[in-house]
Amino acid sequence: MYTTMNKDNISRMKTKAAGISSPVKSTATSGGVGSERWEVRPGGMLVQRRSSDSNQNSIHVPSIKVKVKFGRSYHEVNINSQASFGELKKMLARPTGLASQNQKLIYKDQERDSKTFLDVAGVKDGSKIMLIEDELSKERRHLESLKTAKMEKASKEIAAIRLEVDKLAKQVALTELEIKCGKKVAETVLLNLIELLMTQLIKLDGISADGDMKLQRRMQVKRVQKYIETLDILKIRNSSLGSMGNEMIPGPVVVTKWEKF
């Protein structure tokens, strides 16, 4: 019985020593990658879970060429066969002018998530994928386009008014100089300048602007109002002058000998 027990113990020890470990465990001890996580792929195959960066895979992965349709145009893209749809979107951003977050990729009549891998979805060399723009993104771009057009229009209108006000400002300065020098000007000149400035003020009021354009419009409004106030003061000063400017003061009468006759 002692001999039998020894043989049984020896047999058990050999079995423990020579026990077969699982594929994951043996890989952890031999390859030093036991910290890697695993996933079950279609068909029941157990493989290492990949990150979205296909370059981290040390095993050579072949590239494939996919044909992407966007509107009426087609784009052929060479990409890693194990890349994700998100990586494909990034590659399509430049040729399509559509940011990756605004893209929708349709493969086999189904929208694919950016985190899904191409090979998992069944994408192969020569596969066709459709790219469409996200509707919310499309609406957002449309609103941005309208806003940009509105800003450009306001900028042009304000620039045109600024040039016109510059011309009127020179006339106001010249008129002010004449009146300060004692020269009376026709009242119609002052009234005409005020009317022209009021017209520019009405134009400024009709401009719809936001942000920097709104600030520029406000600056021109204050500028025009300042010139109108100046002309109002000049009207009062001008009315106090004589009809010919400074009144002529008669000097002493010099009588010559010829005047005696």
C-alpha atoms as a PDB file:
ATOM      1  CA  MET A   1       0.000   0.000   0.000  1.00  0.00           C
ATOM      2  CA  TYR A   2       2.905   2.355   0.734  1.00  0.00           C
ATOM      3  CA  THR A   3       4.316   1.682  -2.698  1.00  0.00           C
ATOM      4  CA  THR A   4       0.940   2.280  -4.323  1.00  0.00           C
ATOM      5  CA  MET A   5       0.481   5.608  -2.535  1.00  0.00           C
ATOM      6  CA  ASN A   6       3.948   6.738  -3.590  1.00  0.00           C
ATOM      7  CA  LYS A   7       3.203   5.910  -7.190  1.00  0.00           C
ATOM      8  CA  ASP A   8      -0.087   7.817  -7.023  1.00  0.00           C
ATOM      9  CA  ASN A   9       1.610  10.863  -5.503  1.00  0.00           C
ATOM     10  CA  ILE A  10       4.358  10.758  -8.088  1.00  0.00           C
ATOM     11  CA  SER A  11       1.775  10.540 -10.867  1.00  0.00           C
ATOM     12  CA  ARG A  12      -0.122  13.557  -9.527  1.00  0.00           C
ATOM     13  CA  MET A  13       3.035  15.633  -9.218  1.00  0.00           C
ATOM     14  CA  LYS A  14       4.017  14.856 -12.803  1.00  0.00           C
ATOM     15  CA  THR A  15       0.537  15.800 -13.995  1.00  0.00           C
ATOM     16  CA  LYS A  16       0.730  19.171 -12.224  1.00  0.00           C
ATOM     17  CA  ALA A  17       4.213  19.857 -13.547  1.00  0.00           C
ATOM     18  CA  ALA A  18       3.365  18.969 -17.115  1.00  0.00           C
ATOM     19  CA  GLY A  19      -0.147  20.444 -17.095  1.00  0.00           C
ATOM     20  CA  ILE A  20      -1.230  22.207 -20.307  1.00  0.00           C
ATOM     21  CA  SER A  21      -2.083  25.893 -19.802  1.00  0.00           C
ATOM     22  CA  SER A  22      -4.691  27.844 -21.771  1.00  0.00           C
ATOM     23  CA  PRO A  23      -3.642  29.760 -24.906  1.00  0.00           C
ATOM     24  CA  VAL A  24      -4.076  33.094 -23.139  1.00  0.00           C
ATOM     25  CA  LYS A  25      -2.018  31.989 -20.109  1.00  0.00           C
ATOM     26  CA  SER A  26       0.790  30.502 -22.203  1.00  0.00           C
ATOM     27  CA  THR A  27       0.983  33.647 -24.236  1.00  0.00           C
ATOM     28  CA  ALA A  28       1.212  35.722 -21.076  1.00  0.00           C
ATOM     29  CA  THR A  29       4.180  33.690 -19.797  1.00  0.00           C
ATOM     30  CA  SER A  30       6.038  33.354 -23.087  1.00  0.00           C
ATOM     31  CA  GLY A  31       5.447  36.583 -24.918  1.00  0.00           C
ATOM     32  CA  GLY A  32       5.288  39.027 -22.030  1.00  0.00           C
ATOM     33  CA  VAL A  33       1.943  40.421 -23.220  1.00  0.00           C
ATOM     34  CA  GLY A  34      -0.257  38.909 -20.560  1.00  0.00           C
ATOM     35  CA  SER A  35      -1.676  42.355 -19.808  1.00  0.00           C
ATOM     36  CA  GLU A  36      -3.349  42.431 -23.240  1.00  0.00           C
ATOM     37  CA  ARG A  37      -7.088  41.972 -23.280  1.00  0.00           C
ATOM     38  CA  TRP A  38      -8.798  39.525 -25.575  1.00  0.00           C
ATOM     39  CA  GLU A  39     -11.924  39.569 -27.699  1.00  0.00           C
ATOM     40  CA  VAL A  40     -13.909  37.010 -29.625  1.00  0.00           C
ATOM     41  CA  ARG A  41     -14.067  37.783 -33.329  1.00  0.00           C
ATOM     42  CA  PRO A  42     -16.779  36.592 -35.745  1.00  0.00           C
ATOM     43  CA  GLY A  43     -16.449  32.816 -36.153  1.00  0.00           C
ATOM     44  CA  GLY A  44     -15.383  32.259 -32.543  1.00  0.00           C
ATOM     45  CA  MET A  45     -11.691  33.127 -33.041  1.00  0.00           C
ATOM     46  CA  LEU A  46      -9.950  34.488 -29.911  1.00  0.00           C
ATOM     47  CA  VAL A  47      -7.660  37.424 -30.744  1.00  0.00           C
ATOM     48  CA  GLN A  48      -6.069  40.331 -28.945  1.00  0.00           C
ATOM     49  CA  ARG A  49      -8.293  43.379 -28.624  1.00  0.00           C
ATOM     50  CA  ARG A  50      -6.966  46.188 -30.801  1.00  0.00           C
ATOM     51  CA  SER A  51      -6.913  49.903 -30.148  1.00  0.00           C
ATOM     52  CA  SER A  52      -8.221  52.329 -32.744  1.00  0.00           C
ATOM     53  CA  ASP A  53      -4.636  53.004 -33.831  1.00  0.00           C
ATOM     54  CA  SER A  54      -3.792  50.254 -36.289  1.00  0.00           C
ATOM     55  CA  ASN A  55      -0.115  51.231 -36.235  1.00  0.00           C
ATOM     56  CA  GLN A  56       0.194  49.775 -32.746  1.00  0.00           C
ATOM     57  CA  ASN A  57      -0.239  46.298 -34.134  1.00  0.00           C
ATOM     58  CA  SER A  58       3.211  44.835 -34.659  1.00  0.00           C
ATOM     59  CA  ILE A  59       1.892  42.244 -37.099  1.00  0.00           C
ATOM     60  CA  HIS A  60       1.936  43.384 -40.718  1.00  0.00           C
ATOM     61  CA  VAL A  61      -1.603  44.103 -41.863  1.00  0.00           C
ATOM     62  CA  PRO A  62      -2.289  44.518 -45.588  1.00  0.00           C
ATOM     63  CA  SER A  63      -3.798  47.687 -46.998  1.00  0.00           C
ATOM     64  CA  ILE A  64      -6.990  47.736 -49.002  1.00  0.00           C
ATOM     65  CA  LYS A  65      -8.455  50.192 -51.475  1.00  0.00           C
ATOM     66  CA  VAL A  66     -12.036  51.308 -50.884  1.00  0.00           C
ATOM     67  CA  LYS A  67     -14.188  53.447 -53.127  1.00  0.00           C
ATOM     68  CA  VAL A  68     -16.154  56.156 -51.343  1.00  0.00           C
ATOM     69  CA  LYS A  69     -19.022  57.965 -53.046  1.00  0.00           C
ATOM     70  CA  PHE A  70     -19.791  61.510 -51.923  1.00  0.00           C
ATOM     71  CA  GLY A  71     -22.481  63.246 -53.904  1.00  0.00           C
ATOM     72  CA  ARG A  72     -21.547  62.876 -57.556  1.00  0.00           C
ATOM     73  CA  SER A  73     -17.849  62.336 -56.913  1.00  0.00           C
ATOM     74  CA  TYR A  74     -15.870  59.218 -56.010  1.00  0.00           C
ATOM     75  CA  HIS A  75     -12.761  58.980 -53.854  1.00  0.00           C
ATOM     76  CA  GLU A  76     -10.429  55.975 -53.771  1.00  0.00           C
ATOM     77  CA  VAL A  77      -8.704  55.563 -50.422  1.00  0.00           C
ATOM     78  CA  ASN A  78      -5.859  53.219 -49.498  1.00  0.00           C
ATOM     79  CA  ILE A  79      -6.237  52.267 -45.865  1.00  0.00           C
ATOM     80  CA  ASN A  80      -5.202  49.608 -43.379  1.00  0.00           C
ATOM     81  CA  SER A  81      -7.645  46.699 -43.533  1.00  0.00           C
ATOM     82  CA  GLN A  82      -7.967  46.704 -39.735  1.00  0.00           C
ATOM     83  CA  ALA A  83      -8.468  50.464 -39.411  1.00  0.00           C
ATOM     84  CA  SER A  84     -11.673  51.921 -38.026  1.00  0.00           C
ATOM     85  CA  PHE A  85     -14.352  53.885 -39.812  1.00  0.00           C
ATOM     86  CA  GLY A  86     -13.267  56.885 -37.730  1.00  0.00           C
ATOM     87  CA  GLU A  87      -9.810  56.716 -39.291  1.00  0.00           C
ATOM     88  CA  LEU A  88     -11.397  56.531 -42.724  1.00  0.00           C
ATOM     89  CA  LYS A  89     -13.400  59.667 -41.959  1.00  0.00           C
ATOM     90  CA  LYS A  90     -10.226  61.545 -41.068  1.00  0.00           C
ATOM     91  CA  MET A  91      -8.678  60.538 -44.392  1.00  0.00           C
ATOM     92  CA  LEU A  92     -11.793  61.742 -46.240  1.00  0.00           C
ATOM     93  CA  ALA A  93     -11.915  65.143 -44.515  1.00  0.00           C
ATOM     94  CA  ARG A  94      -9.361  66.802 -46.791  1.00  0.00           C
ATOM     95  CA  PRO A  95     -10.544  65.639 -50.253  1.00  0.00           C
ATOM     96  CA  THR A  96     -14.222  66.173 -49.424  1.00  0.00           C
ATOM     97  CA  GLY A  97     -13.880  69.359 -47.361  1.00  0.00           C
ATOM     98  CA  LEU A  98     -16.151  67.788 -44.765  1.00  0.00           C
ATOM     99  CA  ALA A  99     -14.979  67.546 -41.161  1.00  0.00           C
ATOM    100  CA  SER A 100     -14.898  64.002 -39.780  1.00  0.00           C
ATOM    101  CA  GLN A 101     -17.484  64.769 -37.090  1.00  0.00           C
ATOM    102  CA  ASN A 102     -19.905  65.885 -39.802  1.00  0.00           C
ATOM    103  CA  GLN A 103     -19.607  62.669 -41.834  1.00  0.00           C
ATOM    104  CA  LYS A 104     -21.808  59.612 -42.002  1.00  0.00           C
ATOM    105  CA  LEU A 105     -20.399  56.456 -43.609  1.00  0.00           C
ATOM    106  CA  ILE A 106     -22.917  53.992 -45.018  1.00  0.00           C
ATOM    107  CA  TYR A 107     -21.804  50.444 -45.805  1.00  0.00           C
ATOM    108  CA  LYS A 108     -24.269  47.812 -46.973  1.00  0.00           C
ATOM    109  CA  ASP A 109     -27.211  50.157 -46.294  1.00  0.00           C
ATOM    110  CA  GLN A 110     -26.182  50.656 -42.694  1.00  0.00           C
ATOM    111  CA  GLU A 111     -24.522  53.591 -40.980  1.00  0.00           C
ATOM    112  CA  ARG A 112     -21.271  52.542 -39.340  1.00  0.00           C
ATOM    113  CA  ASP A 113     -20.013  53.810 -36.021  1.00  0.00           C
ATOM    114  CA  SER A 114     -16.618  55.520 -36.011  1.00  0.00           C
ATOM    115  CA  LYS A 115     -15.270  52.954 -33.524  1.00  0.00           C
ATOM    116  CA  THR A 116     -16.204  49.976 -35.696  1.00  0.00           C
ATOM    117  CA  PHE A 117     -13.331  48.278 -37.533  1.00  0.00           C
ATOM    118  CA  LEU A 118     -13.475  47.898 -41.293  1.00  0.00           C
ATOM    119  CA  ASP A 119     -12.690  44.165 -41.346  1.00  0.00           C
ATOM    120  CA  VAL A 120     -15.233  43.458 -38.614  1.00  0.00           C
ATOM    121  CA  ALA A 121     -17.900  45.103 -40.776  1.00  0.00           C
ATOM    122  CA  GLY A 122     -16.779  43.002 -43.722  1.00  0.00           C
ATOM    123  CA  VAL A 123     -15.054  45.748 -45.713  1.00  0.00           C
ATOM    124  CA  LYS A 124     -12.607  44.275 -48.208  1.00  0.00           C
ATOM    125  CA  ASP A 125     -10.405  45.445 -51.033  1.00  0.00           C
ATOM    126  CA  GLY A 126     -12.609  47.107 -53.644  1.00  0.00           C
ATOM    127  CA  SER A 127     -15.593  47.604 -51.315  1.00  0.00           C
ATOM    128  CA  LYS A 128     -17.871  50.582 -51.928  1.00  0.00           C
ATOM    129  CA  ILE A 129     -18.873  52.957 -49.146  1.00  0.00           C
ATOM    130  CA  MET A 130     -21.216  55.937 -49.284  1.00  0.00           C
ATOM    131  CA  LEU A 131     -20.445  59.198 -47.520  1.00  0.00           C
ATOM    132  CA  ILE A 132     -23.200  61.665 -46.650  1.00  0.00           C
ATOM    133  CA  GLU A 133     -23.202  64.860 -44.644  1.00  0.00           C
ATOM    134  CA  ASP A 134     -24.926  64.866 -41.298  1.00  0.00           C
ATOM    135  CA  GLU A 135     -28.200  66.811 -41.575  1.00  0.00           C
ATOM    136  CA  LEU A 136     -27.581  68.831 -38.416  1.00  0.00           C
ATOM    137  CA  SER A 137     -24.131  69.692 -39.681  1.00  0.00           C
ATOM    138  CA  LYS A 138     -25.573  70.682 -43.052  1.00  0.00           C
ATOM    139  CA  GLU A 139     -28.060  73.013 -41.398  1.00  0.00           C
ATOM    140  CA  ARG A 140     -25.330  74.455 -39.208  1.00  0.00           C
ATOM    141  CA  ARG A 141     -23.133  75.144 -42.216  1.00  0.00           C
ATOM    142  CA  HIS A 142     -26.056  76.820 -43.968  1.00  0.00           C
ATOM    143  CA  LEU A 143     -26.639  79.121 -40.997  1.00  0.00           C
ATOM    144  CA  GLU A 144     -22.944  79.944 -40.819  1.00  0.00           C
ATOM    145  CA  SER A 145     -22.958  80.741 -44.524  1.00  0.00           C
ATOM    146  CA  LEU A 146     -25.886  83.115 -44.089  1.00  0.00           C
ATOM    147  CA  LYS A 147     -24.187  84.764 -41.134  1.00  0.00           C
ATOM    148  CA  THR A 148     -20.974  85.238 -43.105  1.00  0.00           C
ATOM    149  CA  ALA A 149     -22.858  86.717 -46.052  1.00  0.00           C
ATOM    150  CA  LYS A 150     -24.684  89.069 -43.688  1.00  0.00           C
ATOM    151  CA  MET A 151     -21.412  90.234 -42.139  1.00  0.00           C
ATOM    152  CA  GLU A 152     -19.806  90.809 -45.544  1.00  0.00           C
ATOM    153  CA  LYS A 153     -22.795  92.838 -46.710  1.00  0.00           C
ATOM    154  CA  ALA A 154     -22.740  94.964 -43.556  1.00  0.00           C
ATOM    155  CA  SER A 155     -19.013  95.518 -43.926  1.00  0.00           C
ATOM    156  CA  LYS A 156     -19.392  96.788 -47.505  1.00  0.00           C
ATOM    157  CA  GLU A 157     -22.296  99.069 -46.609  1.00  0.00           C
ATOM    158  CA  ILE A 158     -20.456 100.578 -43.638  1.00  0.00           C
ATOM    159  CA  ALA A 159     -17.325 101.088 -45.739  1.00  0.00           C
ATOM    160  CA  ALA A 160     -19.321 102.936 -48.412  1.00  0.00           C
ATOM    161  CA  ILE A 161     -20.959 105.181 -45.796  1.00  0.00           C
ATOM    162  CA  ARG A 162     -17.584 105.872 -44.203  1.00  0.00           C
ATOM    163  CA  LEU A 163     -16.214 107.152 -47.503  1.00  0.00           C
ATOM    164  CA  GLU A 164     -19.247 109.390 -48.033  1.00  0.00           C
ATOM    165  CA  VAL A 165     -18.991 110.774 -44.502  1.00  0.00           C
ATOM    166  CA  ASP A 166     -15.290 111.504 -45.093  1.00  0.00           C
ATOM    167  CA  LYS A 167     -16.251 113.715 -48.047  1.00  0.00           C
ATOM    168  CA  LEU A 168     -18.954 115.493 -46.063  1.00  0.00           C
ATOM    169  CA  ALA A 169     -16.559 115.967 -43.134  1.00  0.00           C
ATOM    170  CA  LYS A 170     -14.200 117.963 -45.364  1.00  0.00           C
ATOM    171  CA  GLN A 171     -17.069 120.247 -46.409  1.00  0.00           C
ATOM    172  CA  VAL A 172     -18.106 120.733 -42.787  1.00  0.00           C
ATOM    173  CA  ALA A 173     -14.529 121.636 -41.819  1.00  0.00           C
ATOM    174  CA  LEU A 174     -14.246 124.116 -44.698  1.00  0.00           C
ATOM    175  CA  THR A 175     -17.584 125.740 -43.848  1.00  0.00           C
ATOM    176  CA  GLU A 176     -16.629 125.983 -40.195  1.00  0.00           C
ATOM    177  CA  LEU A 177     -13.364 127.701 -41.112  1.00  0.00           C
ATOM    178  CA  GLU A 178     -15.144 130.288 -43.273  1.00  0.00           C
ATOM    179  CA  ILE A 179     -17.676 131.158 -40.574  1.00  0.00           C
ATOM    180  CA  LYS A 180     -14.996 131.405 -37.874  1.00  0.00           C
ATOM    181  CA  CYS A 181     -13.132 133.813 -40.127  1.00  0.00           C
ATOM    182  CA  GLY A 182     -16.242 135.993 -40.232  1.00  0.00           C
ATOM    183  CA  LYS A 183     -17.462 135.063 -43.692  1.00  0.00           C
ATOM    184  CA  LYS A 184     -21.191 134.514 -43.946  1.00  0.00           C
ATOM    185  CA  VAL A 185     -22.229 131.462 -45.985  1.00  0.00           C
ATOM    186  CA  ALA A 186     -25.577 130.764 -47.572  1.00  0.00           C
ATOM    187  CA  GLU A 187     -27.918 129.019 -45.165  1.00  0.00           C
ATOM    188  CA  THR A 188     -28.815 126.497 -47.863  1.00  0.00           C
ATOM    189  CA  VAL A 189     -25.220 125.222 -47.743  1.00  0.00           C
ATOM    190  CA  LEU A 190     -25.587 124.365 -44.064  1.00  0.00           C
ATOM    191  CA  LEU A 191     -29.026 122.852 -44.513  1.00  0.00           C
ATOM    192  CA  ASN A 192     -27.843 120.743 -47.446  1.00  0.00           C
ATOM    193  CA  LEU A 193     -24.923 119.343 -45.439  1.00  0.00           C
ATOM    194  CA  ILE A 194     -27.233 118.501 -42.542  1.00  0.00           C
ATOM    195  CA  GLU A 195     -29.626 116.727 -44.903  1.00  0.00           C
ATOM    196  CA  LEU A 196     -26.845 114.681 -46.511  1.00  0.00           C
ATOM    197  CA  LEU A 197     -25.553 113.644 -43.092  1.00  0.00           C
ATOM    198  CA  MET A 198     -29.048 112.693 -41.951  1.00  0.00           C
ATOM    199  CA  THR A 199     -29.333 110.463 -45.042  1.00  0.00           C
ATOM    200  CA  GLN A 200     -26.169 108.613 -44.007  1.00  0.00           C
ATOM    201  CA  LEU A 201     -27.550 108.285 -40.495  1.00  0.00           C
ATOM    202  CA  ILE A 202     -30.698 106.630 -41.853  1.00  0.00           C
ATOM    203  CA  LYS A 203     -28.586 104.228 -43.920  1.00  0.00           C
ATOM    204  CA  LEU A 204     -26.583 103.242 -40.851  1.00  0.00           C
ATOM    205  CA  ASP A 205     -29.771 102.632 -38.903  1.00  0.00           C
ATOM    206  CA  GLY A 206     -30.917 100.195 -41.595  1.00  0.00           C
ATOM    207  CA  ILE A 207     -27.789  98.036 -41.422  1.00  0.00           C
ATOM    208  CA  SER A 208     -28.194  94.777 -39.506  1.00  0.00           C
ATOM    209  CA  ALA A 209     -24.886  93.874 -37.900  1.00  0.00           C
ATOM    210  CA  ASP A 210     -23.411  91.860 -35.038  1.00  0.00           C
ATOM    211  CA  GLY A 211     -20.119  91.743 -33.215  1.00  0.00           C
ATOM    212  CA  ASP A 212     -17.349  93.868 -34.720  1.00  0.00           C
ATOM    213  CA  MET A 213     -19.598  95.188 -37.507  1.00  0.00           C
ATOM    214  CA  LYS A 214     -22.067  96.439 -34.916  1.00  0.00           C
ATOM    215  CA  LEU A 215     -19.258  98.307 -33.168  1.00  0.00           C
ATOM    216  CA  GLN A 216     -18.113  99.894 -36.437  1.00  0.00           C
ATOM    217  CA  ARG A 217     -21.662 100.987 -37.238  1.00  0.00           C
ATOM    218  CA  ARG A 218     -22.003 102.613 -33.796  1.00  0.00           C
ATOM    219  CA  MET A 219     -18.744 104.513 -34.340  1.00  0.00           C
ATOM    220  CA  GLN A 220     -19.991 105.940 -37.651  1.00  0.00           C
ATOM    221  CA  VAL A 221     -23.329 106.909 -36.075  1.00  0.00           C
ATOM    222  CA  LYS A 222     -21.561 108.906 -33.356  1.00  0.00           C
ATOM    223  CA  ARG A 223     -19.330 110.479 -35.960  1.00  0.00           C
ATOM    224  CA  VAL A 224     -22.272 111.640 -38.109  1.00  0.00           C
ATOM    225  CA  GLN A 225     -24.156 112.953 -35.077  1.00  0.00           C
ATOM    226  CA  LYS A 226     -21.102 114.991 -34.090  1.00  0.00           C
ATOM    227  CA  TYR A 227     -20.975 116.683 -37.516  1.00  0.00           C
ATOM    228  CA  ILE A 228     -24.702 117.464 -37.399  1.00  0.00           C
ATOM    229  CA  GLU A 229     -24.294 119.094 -33.971  1.00  0.00           C
ATOM    230  CA  THR A 230     -21.396 121.138 -35.327  1.00  0.00           C
ATOM    231  CA  LEU A 231     -23.519 122.388 -38.230  1.00  0.00           C
ATOM    232  CA  ASP A 232     -26.358 123.345 -35.855  1.00  0.00           C
ATOM    233  CA  ILE A 233     -23.917 125.533 -33.908  1.00  0.00           C
ATOM    234  CA  LEU A 234     -22.553 127.007 -37.136  1.00  0.00           C
ATOM    235  CA  LYS A 235     -26.092 127.929 -38.226  1.00  0.00           C
ATOM    236  CA  ILE A 236     -26.517 130.089 -35.129  1.00  0.00           C
ATOM    237  CA  ARG A 237     -23.109 131.723 -35.541  1.00  0.00           C
ATOM    238  CA  ASN A 238     -23.622 132.248 -39.250  1.00  0.00           C
ATOM    239  CA  SER A 239     -26.986 133.999 -38.717  1.00  0.00           C
ATOM    240  CA  SER A 240     -25.331 136.571 -36.474  1.00  0.00           C
ATOM    241  CA  LEU A 241     -22.994 137.686 -39.224  1.00  0.00           C
ATOM    242  CA  GLY A 242     -23.832 140.535 -41.599  1.00  0.00           C
ATOM    243  CA  SER A 243     -25.121 139.864 -45.067  1.00  0.00           C
ATOM    244  CA  MET A 244     -21.665 140.500 -46.511  1.00  0.00           C
ATOM    245  CA  GLY A 245     -19.656 139.031 -43.664  1.00  0.00           C
ATOM    246  CA  ASN A 246     -17.962 141.598 -41.414  1.00  0.00           C
ATOM    247  CA  GLU A 247     -19.826 144.851 -41.633  1.00  0.00           C
ATOM    248  CA  MET A 248     -17.825 147.529 -43.488  1.00  0.00           C
ATOM    249  CA  ILE A 249     -16.885 150.415 -41.135  1.00  0.00           C
ATOM    250  CA  PRO A 250     -16.628 153.685 -43.093  1.00  0.00           C
ATOM    251  CA  GLY A 251     -13.289 155.453 -42.707  1.00  0.00           C
ATOM    252  CA  PRO A 252     -12.508 159.208 -42.782  1.00  0.00           C
ATOM    253  CA  VAL A 253     -13.430 161.073 -45.971  1.00  0.00           C
ATOM    254  CA  VAL A 254     -10.421 162.582 -47.672  1.00  0.00           C
ATOM    255  CA  VAL A 255     -11.294 165.652 -49.698  1.00  0.00           C
ATOM    256  CA  THR A 256      -8.899 166.575 -52.440  1.00  0.00           C
ATOM    257  CA  LYS A 257      -8.574 169.955 -54.056  1.00  0.00           C
ATOM    258  CA  TRP A 258     -10.438 168.702 -57.088  1.00  0.00           C
ATOM    259  CA  GLU A 259     -13.480 167.972 -54.912  1.00  0.00           C
ATOM    260  CA  LYS A 260     -13.718 171.595 -53.900  1.00  0.00           C
ATOM    261  CA  PHE A 261     -14.933 172.359 -57.316  1.00  0.00           C
END
